[in-house]
């Protein structure tokens, strides 16, 4: 199982590198590469989760494609899938809370990471 996930992750990472570079050629001023990866990865995970569960695909194949490939390609797809599942189950308030917390808190965490790195690399006075 672990080998299947690792193999899928390696292929997903290479696909991310290729698609991100290709899509980024559209404009250097906007992150089209990341946007394309997030959209494609979200579509793929949604498709694979629904499709593979209705087939006789082995657990290793499912894990390789979903956890491995999609996880290596983008973790945004997992966020999108989990949000869609909350909405589909009628947990609208939880879905909104998850989206707001994920986006706002993750953005704040990134800014805090910037501050921490700046503090560690600032010249001593």
Protein backbone atom coordinates (compact mmCIF):
# COMPACT_ATOMS: atom_id res chain seq x y z
CA UNK A 1 0.00 0.00 0.00
CA UNK A 2 2.75 2.48 0.95
CA UNK A 3 4.63 1.82 -2.28
CA UNK A 4 1.44 2.46 -4.29
CA UNK A 5 0.88 5.78 -2.51
CA UNK A 6 4.54 6.80 -2.92
CA UNK A 7 4.51 5.93 -6.62
CA UNK A 8 1.31 7.90 -7.18
CA UNK A 9 2.77 10.82 -5.22
CA UNK A 10 5.92 10.86 -7.33
CA UNK A 11 3.91 10.91 -10.55
CA UNK A 12 1.58 13.60 -9.15
CA UNK A 13 4.53 15.77 -8.16
CA UNK A 14 6.03 15.51 -11.64
CA UNK A 15 2.64 16.29 -13.20
CA UNK A 16 2.37 19.35 -10.94
CA UNK A 17 5.81 20.55 -12.05
CA UNK A 18 4.93 20.07 -15.73
CA UNK A 19 1.40 21.58 -15.67
CA UNK A 20 2.42 24.41 -13.34
CA UNK A 21 5.26 25.42 -15.63
CA UNK A 22 3.09 25.16 -18.72
CA UNK A 23 0.20 27.16 -17.26
CA UNK A 24 2.47 29.80 -15.72
CA UNK A 25 3.62 30.81 -19.20
CA UNK A 26 0.24 32.56 -19.55
CA UNK A 27 1.32 35.36 -17.21
CA UNK A 28 4.10 35.98 -14.76
CA UNK A 29 1.94 38.44 -12.80
CA UNK A 30 -0.77 35.97 -11.70
CA UNK A 31 -0.34 32.43 -10.31
CA UNK A 32 -2.10 30.68 -13.22
CA UNK A 33 0.03 27.57 -12.68
CA UNK A 34 -1.17 27.05 -9.14
CA UNK A 35 -4.73 27.96 -10.06
CA UNK A 36 -4.75 25.42 -12.89
CA UNK A 37 -3.29 22.75 -10.61
CA UNK A 38 -5.89 23.42 -7.91
CA UNK A 39 -8.78 23.29 -10.37
CA UNK A 40 -7.56 20.20 -12.24
CA UNK A 41 -6.64 18.42 -9.01
CA UNK A 42 -10.02 19.16 -7.45
CA UNK A 43 -11.82 17.83 -10.52
CA UNK A 44 -9.64 14.71 -10.58
CA UNK A 45 -10.13 13.88 -6.91
CA UNK A 46 -13.88 14.39 -7.13
CA UNK A 47 -14.05 12.21 -10.23
CA UNK A 48 -11.77 9.49 -8.88
CA UNK A 49 -13.46 9.26 -5.48
CA UNK A 50 -16.87 8.80 -7.05
CA UNK A 51 -15.78 6.65 -9.97
CA UNK A 52 -13.40 4.29 -8.20
CA UNK A 53 -15.77 3.53 -5.35
CA UNK A 54 -18.24 2.21 -7.93
CA UNK A 55 -15.68 -0.15 -9.49
CA UNK A 56 -13.69 -3.19 -8.45
CA UNK A 57 -10.48 -1.14 -8.31
CA UNK A 58 -8.10 -2.42 -5.66
CA UNK A 59 -7.51 -0.41 -2.48
CA UNK A 60 -3.91 0.05 -3.63
CA UNK A 61 -4.99 1.56 -6.95
CA UNK A 62 -7.50 3.85 -5.25
CA UNK A 63 -4.88 4.99 -2.72
CA UNK A 64 -2.26 5.46 -5.43
CA UNK A 65 -4.53 7.68 -7.51
CA UNK A 66 -6.25 9.64 -4.73
CA UNK A 67 -3.84 9.92 -1.79
CA UNK A 68 -0.72 9.52 -3.93
CA UNK A 69 -1.30 11.22 -7.26
CA UNK A 70 -3.82 13.85 -6.18
CA UNK A 71 -1.94 14.46 -2.92
CA UNK A 72 1.33 14.93 -4.79
CA UNK A 73 -0.40 17.04 -7.41
CA UNK A 74 -2.27 19.32 -4.99
CA UNK A 75 -3.64 19.15 -1.47
CA UNK A 76 -6.19 21.77 -2.47
CA UNK A 77 -8.15 18.95 -4.08
CA UNK A 78 -8.59 17.33 -0.65
CA UNK A 79 -9.84 20.62 0.78
CA UNK A 80 -12.32 20.97 -2.09
CA UNK A 81 -13.50 17.37 -1.75
CA UNK A 82 -14.01 17.63 2.00
CA UNK A 83 -15.92 20.89 1.60
CA UNK A 84 -18.12 19.37 -1.11
CA UNK A 85 -18.86 16.38 1.13
CA UNK A 86 -19.93 18.69 3.96
CA UNK A 87 -22.22 20.56 1.57
CA UNK A 88 -23.61 17.34 0.10
CA UNK A 89 -24.40 16.01 3.57
CA UNK A 90 -26.27 19.23 4.42
CA UNK A 91 -23.65 20.52 6.86
CA UNK A 92 -23.67 24.00 5.36
CA UNK A 93 -22.51 25.85 8.47
CA UNK A 94 -19.60 23.44 8.89
CA UNK A 95 -18.70 23.83 5.23
CA UNK A 96 -18.65 27.62 5.51
CA UNK A 97 -16.64 27.44 8.75
CA UNK A 98 -14.17 25.04 7.13
CA UNK A 99 -13.72 27.25 4.06
CA UNK A 100 -13.34 30.45 6.07
CA UNK A 101 -11.01 28.85 8.61
CA UNK A 102 -8.92 27.11 5.97
CA UNK A 103 -8.48 30.15 3.78
CA UNK A 104 -8.18 32.87 6.43
CA UNK A 105 -6.21 30.87 9.00
CA UNK A 106 -3.91 29.37 6.36
CA UNK A 107 -3.28 32.84 4.93
CA UNK A 108 -2.56 34.20 8.40
CA UNK A 109 -0.25 31.24 9.07
CA UNK A 110 1.65 32.06 5.88
CA UNK A 111 2.03 35.69 6.96
CA UNK A 112 3.22 34.52 10.40
CA UNK A 113 5.72 32.27 8.62
CA UNK A 114 6.96 35.31 6.71
CA UNK A 115 7.36 37.23 9.99
CA UNK A 116 9.16 34.34 11.69
CA UNK A 117 11.55 33.93 8.77
CA UNK A 118 12.17 37.68 8.65
CA UNK A 119 12.89 37.70 12.41
CA UNK A 120 15.38 34.85 12.04
CA UNK A 121 17.15 36.41 9.07
CA UNK A 122 17.13 40.05 10.21
CA UNK A 123 20.57 41.49 10.85
CA UNK A 124 21.40 41.91 14.54
CA UNK A 125 21.67 45.47 15.81
